[in-house]
Amino acid sequence: MDTQKILPVAAVNSAILNDRNQILLTRRSPKVREPGKWCLPGGHFEGGETWVEAMRRETNEEVGIEVLEERLVGIYSDPAITVTADAGKDGYHRQFLVVLFEVTKFRGEIKPNEEVDLWGWYSLDALPEPMLRSHPIRAQDALARSSNVFVR
């Protein structure tokens, strides 16, 4: 792949875990890229945001909860899993540079928006298919509950 045809995109994901060590995953609606695939809540930065602000906004937009506390889990940039397989209409592939946070405290009830058509709690040995290519490793890292930050 021509590296001059790759644009970096800053993005965030949230890992919301329950007391049974399951992770909240959402299924992408027909209104977004790669519809029907399962993923962690998250999305792109908006101008002027910090990593935490972007994660809190995206989590609220996608699943309707207010994040009160979070913990950094990992940073993901490996082109093998973060570069889109297909180029956009502009001819460029996107390389998602993602920061993953575990949501340790939140307020509200989970209720998806127009970007999400289904959600559920999943253990690592029963992740739904199909998933966005880079999300199984993020789910694994979050469910490991390591005190070390993963860099992949």
C-alpha atoms as a PDB file:
ATOM      1  CA  MET A   1       0.000   0.000   0.000  1.00  0.00           C
ATOM      2  CA  ASP A   2       1.274   3.445  -0.905  1.00  0.00           C
ATOM      3  CA  THR A   3       1.966   5.171   2.432  1.00  0.00           C
ATOM      4  CA  GLN A   4       1.496   8.543   0.748  1.00  0.00           C
ATOM      5  CA  LYS A   5      -2.144   7.571   0.242  1.00  0.00           C
ATOM      6  CA  ILE A   6      -2.871   7.135   3.982  1.00  0.00           C
ATOM      7  CA  LEU A   7      -4.381   9.876   6.119  1.00  0.00           C
ATOM      8  CA  PRO A   8      -4.135   9.621   9.927  1.00  0.00           C
ATOM      9  CA  VAL A   9      -7.393   9.999  11.846  1.00  0.00           C
ATOM     10  CA  ALA A  10      -7.475  10.600  15.610  1.00  0.00           C
ATOM     11  CA  ALA A  11     -10.162   8.516  17.307  1.00  0.00           C
ATOM     12  CA  VAL A  12     -11.230   7.170  20.704  1.00  0.00           C
ATOM     13  CA  ASN A  13     -12.958   4.090  22.072  1.00  0.00           C
ATOM     14  CA  SER A  14     -14.471   3.318  25.442  1.00  0.00           C
ATOM     15  CA  ALA A  15     -14.404  -0.054  27.162  1.00  0.00           C
ATOM     16  CA  ILE A  16     -17.403  -0.290  29.453  1.00  0.00           C
ATOM     17  CA  LEU A  17     -17.127  -3.405  31.617  1.00  0.00           C
ATOM     18  CA  ASN A  18     -19.673  -4.977  33.924  1.00  0.00           C
ATOM     19  CA  ASP A  19     -19.147  -6.936  37.148  1.00  0.00           C
ATOM     20  CA  ARG A  20     -19.165 -10.260  35.209  1.00  0.00           C
ATOM     21  CA  ASN A  21     -16.068  -9.133  33.236  1.00  0.00           C
ATOM     22  CA  GLN A  22     -18.086  -8.576  30.079  1.00  0.00           C
ATOM     23  CA  ILE A  23     -17.608  -5.679  27.701  1.00  0.00           C
ATOM     24  CA  LEU A  24     -20.295  -3.525  26.093  1.00  0.00           C
ATOM     25  CA  LEU A  25     -20.242  -3.785  22.295  1.00  0.00           C
ATOM     26  CA  THR A  26     -22.449  -1.996  19.791  1.00  0.00           C
ATOM     27  CA  ARG A  27     -23.514  -2.951  16.282  1.00  0.00           C
ATOM     28  CA  ARG A  28     -23.083  -0.286  13.627  1.00  0.00           C
ATOM     29  CA  SER A  29     -26.302   0.873  11.953  1.00  0.00           C
ATOM     30  CA  PRO A  30     -26.781   1.152   8.176  1.00  0.00           C
ATOM     31  CA  LYS A  31     -26.114   4.909   8.500  1.00  0.00           C
ATOM     32  CA  VAL A  32     -22.362   4.531   9.177  1.00  0.00           C
ATOM     33  CA  ARG A  33     -19.221   3.056   7.571  1.00  0.00           C
ATOM     34  CA  GLU A  34     -19.033  -0.750   7.821  1.00  0.00           C
ATOM     35  CA  PRO A  35     -22.678  -1.265   8.876  1.00  0.00           C
ATOM     36  CA  GLY A  36     -23.597  -4.454  10.697  1.00  0.00           C
ATOM     37  CA  LYS A  37     -20.185  -4.831  12.333  1.00  0.00           C
ATOM     38  CA  TRP A  38     -19.740  -4.923  16.098  1.00  0.00           C
ATOM     39  CA  CYS A  39     -17.403  -2.504  17.845  1.00  0.00           C
ATOM     40  CA  LEU A  40     -16.576  -0.599  20.996  1.00  0.00           C
ATOM     41  CA  PRO A  41     -18.352   2.736  21.432  1.00  0.00           C
ATOM     42  CA  GLY A  42     -16.274   5.594  20.087  1.00  0.00           C
ATOM     43  CA  GLY A  43     -15.482   7.792  17.149  1.00  0.00           C
ATOM     44  CA  HIS A  44     -13.516  10.697  15.763  1.00  0.00           C
ATOM     45  CA  PHE A  45     -12.206  13.832  17.409  1.00  0.00           C
ATOM     46  CA  GLU A  46     -13.835  17.185  16.913  1.00  0.00           C
ATOM     47  CA  GLY A  47     -11.595  20.243  16.769  1.00  0.00           C
ATOM     48  CA  GLY A  48     -10.375  21.563  20.110  1.00  0.00           C
ATOM     49  CA  GLU A  49     -11.053  18.404  22.144  1.00  0.00           C
ATOM     50  CA  THR A  50      -8.755  16.443  24.410  1.00  0.00           C
ATOM     51  CA  TRP A  51      -8.630  12.624  24.271  1.00  0.00           C
ATOM     52  CA  VAL A  52     -10.861  12.390  27.358  1.00  0.00           C
ATOM     53  CA  GLU A  53     -13.365  14.971  26.101  1.00  0.00           C
ATOM     54  CA  ALA A  54     -13.664  13.173  22.767  1.00  0.00           C
ATOM     55  CA  MET A  55     -14.196   9.790  24.462  1.00  0.00           C
ATOM     56  CA  ARG A  56     -16.806  11.190  26.842  1.00  0.00           C
ATOM     57  CA  ARG A  57     -18.707  12.928  24.023  1.00  0.00           C
ATOM     58  CA  GLU A  58     -18.602   9.906  21.688  1.00  0.00           C
ATOM     59  CA  THR A  59     -19.672   7.511  24.445  1.00  0.00           C
ATOM     60  CA  ASN A  60     -22.594   9.761  25.348  1.00  0.00           C
ATOM     61  CA  GLU A  61     -23.607  10.133  21.690  1.00  0.00           C
ATOM     62  CA  GLU A  62     -23.468   6.407  20.930  1.00  0.00           C
ATOM     63  CA  VAL A  63     -24.816   4.781  24.108  1.00  0.00           C
ATOM     64  CA  GLY A  64     -26.394   7.640  26.068  1.00  0.00           C
ATOM     65  CA  ILE A  65     -24.354   7.491  29.264  1.00  0.00           C
ATOM     66  CA  GLU A  66     -22.311  10.204  30.959  1.00  0.00           C
ATOM     67  CA  VAL A  67     -18.762   9.055  31.717  1.00  0.00           C
ATOM     68  CA  LEU A  68     -17.672  10.227  35.171  1.00  0.00           C
ATOM     69  CA  GLU A  69     -14.301   8.436  35.508  1.00  0.00           C
ATOM     70  CA  GLU A  70     -12.000   6.643  33.101  1.00  0.00           C
ATOM     71  CA  ARG A  71      -8.643   4.876  32.957  1.00  0.00           C
ATOM     72  CA  LEU A  72      -6.255   4.725  29.995  1.00  0.00           C
ATOM     73  CA  VAL A  73      -6.032   1.170  28.608  1.00  0.00           C
ATOM     74  CA  GLY A  74      -4.046   1.554  25.407  1.00  0.00           C
ATOM     75  CA  ILE A  75      -2.893   3.411  22.326  1.00  0.00           C
ATOM     76  CA  TYR A  76      -3.345   1.789  18.912  1.00  0.00           C
ATOM     77  CA  SER A  77      -1.618   2.735  15.669  1.00  0.00           C
ATOM     78  CA  ASP A  78      -0.330  -0.543  14.119  1.00  0.00           C
ATOM     79  CA  PRO A  79      -0.993  -0.122  10.380  1.00  0.00           C
ATOM     80  CA  ALA A  80      -1.670  -3.867  10.066  1.00  0.00           C
ATOM     81  CA  ILE A  81      -4.927  -3.392  11.975  1.00  0.00           C
ATOM     82  CA  THR A  82      -5.689   0.337  11.864  1.00  0.00           C
ATOM     83  CA  VAL A  83      -5.516   1.171   8.133  1.00  0.00           C
ATOM     84  CA  THR A  84      -8.804   0.812   6.265  1.00  0.00           C
ATOM     85  CA  ALA A  85      -8.899  -1.901   3.613  1.00  0.00           C
ATOM     86  CA  ASP A  86     -10.747   0.329   1.157  1.00  0.00           C
ATOM     87  CA  ALA A  87      -9.834   3.830   0.094  1.00  0.00           C
ATOM     88  CA  GLY A  88     -12.329   6.627   0.537  1.00  0.00           C
ATOM     89  CA  LYS A  89     -13.900   8.551  -2.336  1.00  0.00           C
ATOM     90  CA  ASP A  90     -10.827  10.805  -2.256  1.00  0.00           C
ATOM     91  CA  GLY A  91      -8.536   7.840  -2.995  1.00  0.00           C
ATOM     92  CA  TYR A  92      -6.981   7.824   0.474  1.00  0.00           C
ATOM     93  CA  HIS A  93      -6.997   5.050   3.054  1.00  0.00           C
ATOM     94  CA  ARG A  94      -7.481   6.076   6.695  1.00  0.00           C
ATOM     95  CA  GLN A  95      -5.174   5.042   9.523  1.00  0.00           C
ATOM     96  CA  PHE A  96      -7.036   5.292  12.809  1.00  0.00           C
ATOM     97  CA  LEU A  97      -4.821   6.415  15.700  1.00  0.00           C
ATOM     98  CA  VAL A  98      -6.912   5.336  18.664  1.00  0.00           C
ATOM     99  CA  VAL A  99      -6.789   5.852  22.409  1.00  0.00           C
ATOM    100  CA  LEU A 100      -8.838   3.337  24.405  1.00  0.00           C
ATOM    101  CA  PHE A 101     -10.209   4.164  27.847  1.00  0.00           C
ATOM    102  CA  GLU A 102     -11.902   1.898  30.361  1.00  0.00           C
ATOM    103  CA  VAL A 103     -14.979   3.611  31.740  1.00  0.00           C
ATOM    104  CA  THR A 104     -14.735   3.049  35.497  1.00  0.00           C
ATOM    105  CA  LYS A 105     -17.770   5.109  36.543  1.00  0.00           C
ATOM    106  CA  PHE A 106     -20.767   6.395  34.605  1.00  0.00           C
ATOM    107  CA  ARG A 107     -24.260   7.766  35.072  1.00  0.00           C
ATOM    108  CA  GLY A 108     -27.396   6.979  33.091  1.00  0.00           C
ATOM    109  CA  GLU A 109     -28.934   4.106  31.162  1.00  0.00           C
ATOM    110  CA  ILE A 110     -27.564   2.634  27.967  1.00  0.00           C
ATOM    111  CA  LYS A 111     -29.612   3.688  24.966  1.00  0.00           C
ATOM    112  CA  PRO A 112     -28.054   3.690  21.480  1.00  0.00           C
ATOM    113  CA  ASN A 113     -28.412   6.465  18.921  1.00  0.00           C
ATOM    114  CA  GLU A 114     -28.862   6.424  15.136  1.00  0.00           C
ATOM    115  CA  GLU A 115     -25.276   5.131  14.612  1.00  0.00           C
ATOM    116  CA  VAL A 116     -25.962   2.023  16.734  1.00  0.00           C
ATOM    117  CA  ASP A 117     -28.796  -0.420  16.053  1.00  0.00           C
ATOM    118  CA  LEU A 118     -28.034  -3.059  18.726  1.00  0.00           C
ATOM    119  CA  TRP A 119     -25.868  -3.512  21.818  1.00  0.00           C
ATOM    120  CA  GLY A 120     -24.966  -6.215  24.295  1.00  0.00           C
ATOM    121  CA  TRP A 121     -22.551  -7.458  26.958  1.00  0.00           C
ATOM    122  CA  TYR A 122     -19.951 -10.005  25.790  1.00  0.00           C
ATOM    123  CA  SER A 123     -17.174 -12.067  27.322  1.00  0.00           C
ATOM    124  CA  LEU A 124     -13.861 -12.485  25.510  1.00  0.00           C
ATOM    125  CA  ASP A 125     -14.644 -16.069  24.542  1.00  0.00           C
ATOM    126  CA  ALA A 126     -18.007 -15.102  23.004  1.00  0.00           C
ATOM    127  CA  LEU A 127     -17.423 -11.908  21.008  1.00  0.00           C
ATOM    128  CA  PRO A 128     -20.038 -11.340  18.295  1.00  0.00           C
ATOM    129  CA  GLU A 129     -19.262 -11.507  14.584  1.00  0.00           C
ATOM    130  CA  PRO A 130     -18.499  -9.701  12.437  1.00  0.00           C
ATOM    131  CA  MET A 131     -16.399  -7.153  14.326  1.00  0.00           C
ATOM    132  CA  LEU A 132     -14.377  -4.210  13.089  1.00  0.00           C
ATOM    133  CA  ARG A 133     -10.903  -5.632  12.394  1.00  0.00           C
ATOM    134  CA  SER A 134      -9.042  -3.802  15.160  1.00  0.00           C
ATOM    135  CA  HIS A 135     -11.620  -4.159  17.937  1.00  0.00           C
ATOM    136  CA  PRO A 136     -11.078  -7.737  19.210  1.00  0.00           C
ATOM    137  CA  ILE A 137      -7.540  -6.858  20.410  1.00  0.00           C
ATOM    138  CA  ARG A 138      -8.889  -3.753  22.151  1.00  0.00           C
ATOM    139  CA  ALA A 139     -11.592  -5.788  23.873  1.00  0.00           C
ATOM    140  CA  GLN A 140      -8.948  -8.327  24.937  1.00  0.00           C
ATOM    141  CA  ASP A 141      -6.720  -5.583  26.334  1.00  0.00           C
ATOM    142  CA  ALA A 142      -9.598  -3.996  28.271  1.00  0.00           C
ATOM    143  CA  LEU A 143     -10.792  -7.309  29.697  1.00  0.00           C
ATOM    144  CA  ALA A 144      -7.228  -8.114  30.856  1.00  0.00           C
ATOM    145  CA  ARG A 145      -7.606  -5.229  33.342  1.00  0.00           C
ATOM    146  CA  SER A 146      -3.846  -4.736  33.384  1.00  0.00           C
ATOM    147  CA  SER A 147      -2.324  -1.772  35.180  1.00  0.00           C
ATOM    148  CA  ASN A 148       0.078  -1.411  32.239  1.00  0.00           C
ATOM    149  CA  VAL A 149      -0.918   0.669  29.229  1.00  0.00           C
ATOM    150  CA  PHE A 150      -0.937  -1.300  25.969  1.00  0.00           C
ATOM    151  CA  VAL A 151       0.754   0.273  22.948  1.00  0.00           C
ATOM    152  CA  ARG A 152      -0.046  -1.507  19.720  1.00  0.00           C
END
